[in-house]
Amino acid sequence: MVINSGIKEAREKKMMTQNDLAKRMGVDVNVIKDWEENNTMISLKDVRRLTKYLDATSDQLLLGCTKPLLIYQV
């Protein structure tokens, strides 16, 4: 699963510690650790919250994309 590395990468890019992110989100630091270590599933609600706190798109977090995906209609 890519999201664990996506969260860590986005968090480090913002120069935040796991503790910093946990405080901003109002969760225990172990929640962030578990997400980054892929020990627990993350809800879509929390993905949306992470996009706000990490200034990242859901594509970046979920798929490891550096740029948003373009969808073409045929």
C-alpha atoms as a PDB file:
ATOM      1  CA  MET A   1       0.000   0.000   0.000  1.00  0.00           C
ATOM      2  CA  VAL A   2       1.381   3.392  -0.981  1.00  0.00           C
ATOM      3  CA  ILE A   3      -0.468   5.601   1.483  1.00  0.00           C
ATOM      4  CA  ASN A   4       1.922   4.907   4.351  1.00  0.00           C
ATOM      5  CA  SER A   5       4.892   6.246   2.392  1.00  0.00           C
ATOM      6  CA  GLY A   6       2.732   9.029   0.931  1.00  0.00           C
ATOM      7  CA  ILE A   7       1.821  10.305   4.386  1.00  0.00           C
ATOM      8  CA  LYS A   8       5.391  10.160   5.619  1.00  0.00           C
ATOM      9  CA  GLU A   9       6.776  11.852   2.526  1.00  0.00           C
ATOM     10  CA  ALA A  10       4.203  14.668   2.626  1.00  0.00           C
ATOM     11  CA  ARG A  11       4.706  15.133   6.375  1.00  0.00           C
ATOM     12  CA  GLU A  12       8.481  15.341   6.039  1.00  0.00           C
ATOM     13  CA  LYS A  13       8.143  17.739   3.112  1.00  0.00           C
ATOM     14  CA  LYS A  14       6.217  20.055   5.458  1.00  0.00           C
ATOM     15  CA  MET A  15       9.040  19.565   8.007  1.00  0.00           C
ATOM     16  CA  MET A  16       6.592  18.151  10.539  1.00  0.00           C
ATOM     17  CA  THR A  17       7.187  15.398  13.041  1.00  0.00           C
ATOM     18  CA  GLN A  18       4.651  12.660  13.658  1.00  0.00           C
ATOM     19  CA  ASN A  19       3.877  14.410  16.927  1.00  0.00           C
ATOM     20  CA  ASP A  20       3.271  17.743  15.150  1.00  0.00           C
ATOM     21  CA  LEU A  21       0.805  16.140  12.749  1.00  0.00           C
ATOM     22  CA  ALA A  22      -0.943  14.245  15.534  1.00  0.00           C
ATOM     23  CA  LYS A  23      -1.451  17.453  17.513  1.00  0.00           C
ATOM     24  CA  ARG A  24      -2.868  19.282  14.492  1.00  0.00           C
ATOM     25  CA  MET A  25      -5.254  16.442  13.758  1.00  0.00           C
ATOM     26  CA  GLY A  26      -6.222  15.961  17.386  1.00  0.00           C
ATOM     27  CA  VAL A  27      -5.161  12.305  17.481  1.00  0.00           C
ATOM     28  CA  ASP A  28      -2.626  10.317  19.441  1.00  0.00           C
ATOM     29  CA  VAL A  29       0.828  10.107  17.862  1.00  0.00           C
ATOM     30  CA  ASN A  30       0.402   6.325  17.693  1.00  0.00           C
ATOM     31  CA  VAL A  31      -2.363   6.823  15.113  1.00  0.00           C
ATOM     32  CA  ILE A  32       0.090   8.594  12.794  1.00  0.00           C
ATOM     33  CA  LYS A  33       2.745   5.938  13.453  1.00  0.00           C
ATOM     34  CA  ASP A  34       0.281   3.158  12.664  1.00  0.00           C
ATOM     35  CA  TRP A  35      -0.746   4.820   9.393  1.00  0.00           C
ATOM     36  CA  GLU A  36       2.867   5.328   8.332  1.00  0.00           C
ATOM     37  CA  GLU A  37       3.827   1.775   9.275  1.00  0.00           C
ATOM     38  CA  ASN A  38       0.733   0.420   7.514  1.00  0.00           C
ATOM     39  CA  ASN A  39      -0.525  -1.202  10.720  1.00  0.00           C
ATOM     40  CA  THR A  40      -4.059   0.187  10.458  1.00  0.00           C
ATOM     41  CA  MET A  41      -6.412   1.211   7.701  1.00  0.00           C
ATOM     42  CA  ILE A  42      -7.066   4.893   7.247  1.00  0.00           C
ATOM     43  CA  SER A  43     -10.580   6.184   6.643  1.00  0.00           C
ATOM     44  CA  LEU A  44     -11.423   8.406   3.703  1.00  0.00           C
ATOM     45  CA  LYS A  45     -12.462  11.062   6.198  1.00  0.00           C
ATOM     46  CA  ASP A  46      -8.947  11.030   7.644  1.00  0.00           C
ATOM     47  CA  VAL A  47      -7.407  11.093   4.150  1.00  0.00           C
ATOM     48  CA  ARG A  48      -9.397  14.266   3.472  1.00  0.00           C
ATOM     49  CA  ARG A  49      -8.171  15.766   6.742  1.00  0.00           C
ATOM     50  CA  LEU A  50      -4.582  14.849   5.908  1.00  0.00           C
ATOM     51  CA  THR A  51      -4.794  16.602   2.535  1.00  0.00           C
ATOM     52  CA  LYS A  52      -5.613  19.791   4.411  1.00  0.00           C
ATOM     53  CA  TYR A  53      -2.865  19.512   7.027  1.00  0.00           C
ATOM     54  CA  LEU A  54      -0.180  18.292   4.614  1.00  0.00           C
ATOM     55  CA  ASP A  55      -1.086  20.452   1.592  1.00  0.00           C
ATOM     56  CA  ALA A  56      -1.201  17.304  -0.530  1.00  0.00           C
ATOM     57  CA  THR A  57      -3.790  15.842  -2.852  1.00  0.00           C
ATOM     58  CA  SER A  58      -5.498  12.552  -2.156  1.00  0.00           C
ATOM     59  CA  ASP A  59      -3.776  11.219  -5.299  1.00  0.00           C
ATOM     60  CA  GLN A  60      -0.407  12.050  -3.773  1.00  0.00           C
ATOM     61  CA  LEU A  61      -1.272  10.325  -0.500  1.00  0.00           C
ATOM     62  CA  LEU A  62      -3.113   7.300  -1.869  1.00  0.00           C
ATOM     63  CA  LEU A  63      -1.233   6.623  -5.079  1.00  0.00           C
ATOM     64  CA  GLY A  64       2.145   8.222  -4.540  1.00  0.00           C
ATOM     65  CA  CYS A  65       1.596  10.572  -7.471  1.00  0.00           C
ATOM     66  CA  THR A  66       3.732  13.671  -7.567  1.00  0.00           C
ATOM     67  CA  LYS A  67       1.201  15.433  -9.778  1.00  0.00           C
ATOM     68  CA  PRO A  68      -2.586  15.110  -9.800  1.00  0.00           C
ATOM     69  CA  LEU A  69      -3.844  12.513 -12.246  1.00  0.00           C
ATOM     70  CA  LEU A  70      -5.445  13.738 -15.429  1.00  0.00           C
ATOM     71  CA  ILE A  71      -8.531  11.882 -16.506  1.00  0.00           C
ATOM     72  CA  TYR A  72      -9.390  11.967 -20.148  1.00  0.00           C
ATOM     73  CA  GLN A  73     -12.826  11.229 -21.455  1.00  0.00           C
ATOM     74  CA  VAL A  74     -13.031   9.404 -24.752  1.00  0.00           C
END
